[in-house]
Amino acid sequence: MTFATCDICDANEDKLGNGTLAVLPPIFQKFGMQLSFAGPATTLKVFEDNVLVRSTLETPGNGHVLVIDGGGSLRCALVGGNLGVLAEKNGWAGIIVNGCIRDSEEINACDIGVRALATHPQRSVRKGVGDRDLSVSIAGVAIHPGDWIYADADGVLVSKEKLD
């Protein structure tokens, strides 16, 4: 899939106006080999616990983008190199983390796209607390399961429907 988020915004000003297309604030750093990625969202809500992240990435991604609402925590990482490899192997298009990643060099070697707030060397706890497939809010933008995510060098878009 070839797209440019700038072109999507220009062609869909009405959707930006009515809220069916939104732009995530430019707070994310880019990781992974894929600068551009797109797909329907699979959502998680966790806080400093990545058990649900791992179990989700162990399943077939089928071109989806895993959107992890980690509460914006900068105190530990929710995704590391092993999970980046799992995401690539299992067909996930990308991962957006409202939180931190670690093993950034390993993730940068993975053929996926990743956006995260920052890197942090400490891993998360492993209690298994969290929720999947619910609406989340990242930096004030609502993301629902199945919403389309478009990410490239210029930003990250959230659309209620697939855009051509």
C-alpha atoms as a PDB file:
ATOM      1  CA  MET A   1       0.000   0.000   0.000  1.00  0.00           C
ATOM      2  CA  THR A   2       1.425   3.335  -1.078  1.00  0.00           C
ATOM      3  CA  PHE A   3       0.135   6.489   0.572  1.00  0.00           C
ATOM      4  CA  ALA A   4       1.225   9.815   2.009  1.00  0.00           C
ATOM      5  CA  THR A   5      -0.450  11.139   5.141  1.00  0.00           C
ATOM      6  CA  CYS A   6      -0.181  14.684   3.754  1.00  0.00           C
ATOM      7  CA  ASP A   7      -2.104  13.643   0.630  1.00  0.00           C
ATOM      8  CA  ILE A   8      -4.702  11.808   2.735  1.00  0.00           C
ATOM      9  CA  CYS A   9      -5.248  14.956   4.807  1.00  0.00           C
ATOM     10  CA  ASP A  10      -5.510  17.157   1.703  1.00  0.00           C
ATOM     11  CA  ALA A  11      -8.026  14.815   0.054  1.00  0.00           C
ATOM     12  CA  ASN A  12     -10.135  14.383   3.182  1.00  0.00           C
ATOM     13  CA  GLU A  13     -10.514  17.818   4.740  1.00  0.00           C
ATOM     14  CA  ASP A  14     -14.222  17.108   5.259  1.00  0.00           C
ATOM     15  CA  LYS A  15     -13.366  14.017   7.347  1.00  0.00           C
ATOM     16  CA  LEU A  16     -10.826  16.021   9.366  1.00  0.00           C
ATOM     17  CA  GLY A  17     -13.569  18.563   9.972  1.00  0.00           C
ATOM     18  CA  ASN A  18     -16.223  16.077  11.061  1.00  0.00           C
ATOM     19  CA  GLY A  19     -13.880  13.955  13.169  1.00  0.00           C
ATOM     20  CA  THR A  20     -13.930  10.737  11.146  1.00  0.00           C
ATOM     21  CA  LEU A  21     -10.244  11.326  10.364  1.00  0.00           C
ATOM     22  CA  ALA A  22      -7.830  12.522  13.043  1.00  0.00           C
ATOM     23  CA  VAL A  23      -4.126  13.250  13.297  1.00  0.00           C
ATOM     24  CA  LEU A  24      -2.200  12.024  16.330  1.00  0.00           C
ATOM     25  CA  PRO A  25      -0.076  14.794  17.852  1.00  0.00           C
ATOM     26  CA  PRO A  26       3.564  14.655  16.690  1.00  0.00           C
ATOM     27  CA  ILE A  27       4.890  13.065  19.884  1.00  0.00           C
ATOM     28  CA  PHE A  28       6.093   9.724  18.524  1.00  0.00           C
ATOM     29  CA  GLN A  29       9.580   8.618  17.551  1.00  0.00           C
ATOM     30  CA  LYS A  30      10.031   6.275  14.583  1.00  0.00           C
ATOM     31  CA  PHE A  31      11.522   2.781  14.863  1.00  0.00           C
ATOM     32  CA  GLY A  32      11.636  -0.322  12.695  1.00  0.00           C
ATOM     33  CA  MET A  33      12.530  -0.749   9.036  1.00  0.00           C
ATOM     34  CA  GLN A  34       9.125   0.323   7.731  1.00  0.00           C
ATOM     35  CA  LEU A  35       8.799   4.093   7.832  1.00  0.00           C
ATOM     36  CA  SER A  36       5.271   3.785   6.398  1.00  0.00           C
ATOM     37  CA  PHE A  37       2.644   1.305   7.511  1.00  0.00           C
ATOM     38  CA  ALA A  38      -1.119   1.049   7.571  1.00  0.00           C
ATOM     39  CA  GLY A  39      -3.823  -1.319   8.680  1.00  0.00           C
ATOM     40  CA  PRO A  40      -6.847  -1.752  10.920  1.00  0.00           C
ATOM     41  CA  ALA A  41      -6.246  -1.182  14.613  1.00  0.00           C
ATOM     42  CA  THR A  42      -6.143  -3.845  17.274  1.00  0.00           C
ATOM     43  CA  THR A  43      -6.201  -2.021  20.602  1.00  0.00           C
ATOM     44  CA  LEU A  44      -4.756  -2.745  24.028  1.00  0.00           C
ATOM     45  CA  LYS A  45      -4.929  -0.798  27.266  1.00  0.00           C
ATOM     46  CA  VAL A  46      -2.151  -1.706  29.702  1.00  0.00           C
ATOM     47  CA  PHE A  47      -0.047   0.103  32.268  1.00  0.00           C
ATOM     48  CA  GLU A  48       3.576  -0.860  32.806  1.00  0.00           C
ATOM     49  CA  ASP A  49       2.678  -4.520  32.103  1.00  0.00           C
ATOM     50  CA  ASN A  50       3.356  -6.165  28.742  1.00  0.00           C
ATOM     51  CA  VAL A  51       1.936  -9.692  29.199  1.00  0.00           C
ATOM     52  CA  LEU A  52      -1.081  -8.839  27.018  1.00  0.00           C
ATOM     53  CA  VAL A  53       1.229  -7.208  24.455  1.00  0.00           C
ATOM     54  CA  ARG A  54       3.217 -10.435  24.098  1.00  0.00           C
ATOM     55  CA  SER A  55       0.167 -12.695  23.937  1.00  0.00           C
ATOM     56  CA  THR A  56      -1.394 -10.473  21.268  1.00  0.00           C
ATOM     57  CA  LEU A  57       1.766 -10.335  19.148  1.00  0.00           C
ATOM     58  CA  GLU A  58       1.994 -14.149  19.358  1.00  0.00           C
ATOM     59  CA  THR A  59      -1.235 -14.330  17.293  1.00  0.00           C
ATOM     60  CA  PRO A  60      -1.514 -13.729  13.530  1.00  0.00           C
ATOM     61  CA  GLY A  61      -1.507  -9.988  12.881  1.00  0.00           C
ATOM     62  CA  ASN A  62      -3.055 -10.231   9.419  1.00  0.00           C
ATOM     63  CA  GLY A  63      -1.728  -6.771   8.524  1.00  0.00           C
ATOM     64  CA  HIS A  64      -3.205  -5.056  11.588  1.00  0.00           C
ATOM     65  CA  VAL A  65      -1.556  -2.277  13.566  1.00  0.00           C
ATOM     66  CA  LEU A  66      -1.284  -2.957  17.287  1.00  0.00           C
ATOM     67  CA  VAL A  67      -2.181   0.220  19.173  1.00  0.00           C
ATOM     68  CA  ILE A  68      -0.998   0.030  22.783  1.00  0.00           C
ATOM     69  CA  ASP A  69      -2.321   2.620  25.193  1.00  0.00           C
ATOM     70  CA  GLY A  70       0.313   2.399  27.884  1.00  0.00           C
ATOM     71  CA  GLY A  71      -0.935   5.512  29.616  1.00  0.00           C
ATOM     72  CA  GLY A  72       2.026   7.495  28.328  1.00  0.00           C
ATOM     73  CA  SER A  73       4.276   5.949  30.977  1.00  0.00           C
ATOM     74  CA  LEU A  74       7.953   6.771  30.631  1.00  0.00           C
ATOM     75  CA  ARG A  75       8.980   4.476  33.515  1.00  0.00           C
ATOM     76  CA  CYS A  76       9.508   1.200  31.609  1.00  0.00           C
ATOM     77  CA  ALA A  77       9.287  -0.355  28.142  1.00  0.00           C
ATOM     78  CA  LEU A  78       6.264  -2.247  26.818  1.00  0.00           C
ATOM     79  CA  VAL A  79       7.870  -3.575  23.611  1.00  0.00           C
ATOM     80  CA  GLY A  80      11.403  -4.910  23.145  1.00  0.00           C
ATOM     81  CA  GLY A  81      13.417  -6.643  20.473  1.00  0.00           C
ATOM     82  CA  ASN A  82      11.868 -10.085  20.997  1.00  0.00           C
ATOM     83  CA  LEU A  83       8.377  -8.657  20.591  1.00  0.00           C
ATOM     84  CA  GLY A  84       9.473  -6.775  17.480  1.00  0.00           C
ATOM     85  CA  VAL A  85      10.603 -10.083  15.973  1.00  0.00           C
ATOM     86  CA  LEU A  86       7.279 -11.697  16.975  1.00  0.00           C
ATOM     87  CA  ALA A  87       5.350  -8.861  15.318  1.00  0.00           C
ATOM     88  CA  GLU A  88       7.338  -9.229  12.105  1.00  0.00           C
ATOM     89  CA  LYS A  89       7.062 -13.041  12.075  1.00  0.00           C
ATOM     90  CA  ASN A  90       3.317 -13.007  12.732  1.00  0.00           C
ATOM     91  CA  GLY A  91       2.362 -10.449  10.085  1.00  0.00           C
ATOM     92  CA  TRP A  92       1.642  -7.304  12.073  1.00  0.00           C
ATOM     93  CA  ALA A  93       1.935  -4.147   9.938  1.00  0.00           C
ATOM     94  CA  GLY A  94       3.109  -2.012  12.819  1.00  0.00           C
ATOM     95  CA  ILE A  95       2.911  -1.063  16.471  1.00  0.00           C
ATOM     96  CA  ILE A  96       2.040   2.260  18.086  1.00  0.00           C
ATOM     97  CA  VAL A  97       3.012   2.547  21.740  1.00  0.00           C
ATOM     98  CA  ASN A  98       1.722   5.314  23.969  1.00  0.00           C
ATOM     99  CA  GLY A  99       4.712   4.551  26.145  1.00  0.00           C
ATOM    100  CA  CYS A 100       8.259   3.289  25.670  1.00  0.00           C
ATOM    101  CA  ILE A 101      10.129   0.585  23.812  1.00  0.00           C
ATOM    102  CA  ARG A 102      13.555  -0.914  24.462  1.00  0.00           C
ATOM    103  CA  ASP A 103      16.135  -2.771  22.371  1.00  0.00           C
ATOM    104  CA  SER A 104      15.740  -0.045  19.762  1.00  0.00           C
ATOM    105  CA  GLU A 105      18.564  -1.385  17.587  1.00  0.00           C
ATOM    106  CA  GLU A 106      16.892  -4.806  17.479  1.00  0.00           C
ATOM    107  CA  ILE A 107      13.521  -3.235  16.672  1.00  0.00           C
ATOM    108  CA  ASN A 108      15.156  -1.125  13.958  1.00  0.00           C
ATOM    109  CA  ALA A 109      16.299  -4.398  12.334  1.00  0.00           C
ATOM    110  CA  CYS A 110      12.699  -5.697  12.180  1.00  0.00           C
ATOM    111  CA  ASP A 111      10.673  -5.344   8.985  1.00  0.00           C
ATOM    112  CA  ILE A 112       7.788  -3.540  10.685  1.00  0.00           C
ATOM    113  CA  GLY A 113       6.972   0.040  11.621  1.00  0.00           C
ATOM    114  CA  VAL A 114       6.943   1.156  15.244  1.00  0.00           C
ATOM    115  CA  ARG A 115       6.042   4.468  16.842  1.00  0.00           C
ATOM    116  CA  ALA A 116       6.687   5.104  20.530  1.00  0.00           C
ATOM    117  CA  LEU A 117       7.149   8.050  22.844  1.00  0.00           C
ATOM    118  CA  ALA A 118      10.708   7.128  23.813  1.00  0.00           C
ATOM    119  CA  THR A 119      13.117   4.347  24.678  1.00  0.00           C
ATOM    120  CA  HIS A 120      13.685   3.022  28.184  1.00  0.00           C
ATOM    121  CA  PRO A 121      16.047   0.196  29.182  1.00  0.00           C
ATOM    122  CA  GLN A 122      13.849  -1.254  31.953  1.00  0.00           C
ATOM    123  CA  ARG A 123      11.302  -3.936  31.108  1.00  0.00           C
ATOM    124  CA  SER A 124       7.744  -3.837  32.354  1.00  0.00           C
ATOM    125  CA  VAL A 125       6.254  -5.922  35.109  1.00  0.00           C
ATOM    126  CA  ARG A 126       4.493  -9.132  34.141  1.00  0.00           C
ATOM    127  CA  LYS A 127       1.219  -9.412  36.009  1.00  0.00           C
ATOM    128  CA  GLY A 128      -1.106  -9.951  33.041  1.00  0.00           C
ATOM    129  CA  VAL A 129      -3.292  -6.920  33.710  1.00  0.00           C
ATOM    130  CA  GLY A 130      -4.896  -5.115  30.790  1.00  0.00           C
ATOM    131  CA  ASP A 131      -7.718  -5.067  28.256  1.00  0.00           C
ATOM    132  CA  ARG A 132      -7.955  -5.819  24.546  1.00  0.00           C
ATOM    133  CA  ASP A 133     -10.278  -4.613  21.794  1.00  0.00           C
ATOM    134  CA  LEU A 134     -11.678  -1.539  23.482  1.00  0.00           C
ATOM    135  CA  SER A 135     -11.667   2.130  22.611  1.00  0.00           C
ATOM    136  CA  VAL A 136      -8.533   3.921  23.782  1.00  0.00           C
ATOM    137  CA  SER A 137      -7.498   7.559  23.795  1.00  0.00           C
ATOM    138  CA  ILE A 138      -3.963   8.516  22.853  1.00  0.00           C
ATOM    139  CA  ALA A 139      -2.990  12.163  23.240  1.00  0.00           C
ATOM    140  CA  GLY A 140      -6.675  13.105  23.105  1.00  0.00           C
ATOM    141  CA  VAL A 141      -7.461  11.082  19.952  1.00  0.00           C
ATOM    142  CA  ALA A 142      -9.943   8.230  20.252  1.00  0.00           C
ATOM    143  CA  ILE A 143      -8.949   4.982  18.552  1.00  0.00           C
ATOM    144  CA  HIS A 144     -11.472   2.162  18.233  1.00  0.00           C
ATOM    145  CA  PRO A 145     -10.791  -1.445  17.242  1.00  0.00           C
ATOM    146  CA  GLY A 146     -10.953  -1.621  13.447  1.00  0.00           C
ATOM    147  CA  ASP A 147     -10.177   2.068  12.852  1.00  0.00           C
ATOM    148  CA  TRP A 148      -7.580   2.452  10.101  1.00  0.00           C
ATOM    149  CA  ILE A 149      -4.116   3.645  11.070  1.00  0.00           C
ATOM    150  CA  TYR A 150      -1.880   5.332   8.488  1.00  0.00           C
ATOM    151  CA  ALA A 151       1.673   6.186   9.562  1.00  0.00           C
ATOM    152  CA  ASP A 152       4.531   7.645   7.524  1.00  0.00           C
ATOM    153  CA  ALA A 153       7.403  10.109   7.896  1.00  0.00           C
ATOM    154  CA  ASP A 154       4.983  13.013   8.346  1.00  0.00           C
ATOM    155  CA  GLY A 155       2.631  11.629  10.972  1.00  0.00           C
ATOM    156  CA  VAL A 156       0.026   9.160  12.137  1.00  0.00           C
ATOM    157  CA  LEU A 157      -3.619   9.286  11.069  1.00  0.00           C
ATOM    158  CA  VAL A 158      -6.653   7.519  12.536  1.00  0.00           C
ATOM    159  CA  SER A 159      -9.615   6.974  10.201  1.00  0.00           C
ATOM    160  CA  LYS A 160     -13.019   5.471  10.895  1.00  0.00           C
ATOM    161  CA  GLU A 161     -12.777   3.734   7.499  1.00  0.00           C
ATOM    162  CA  LYS A 162     -10.189   2.525   5.021  1.00  0.00           C
ATOM    163  CA  LEU A 163      -9.174   5.356   2.718  1.00  0.00           C
ATOM    164  CA  ASP A 164      -7.993   4.912  -0.891  1.00  0.00           C
END
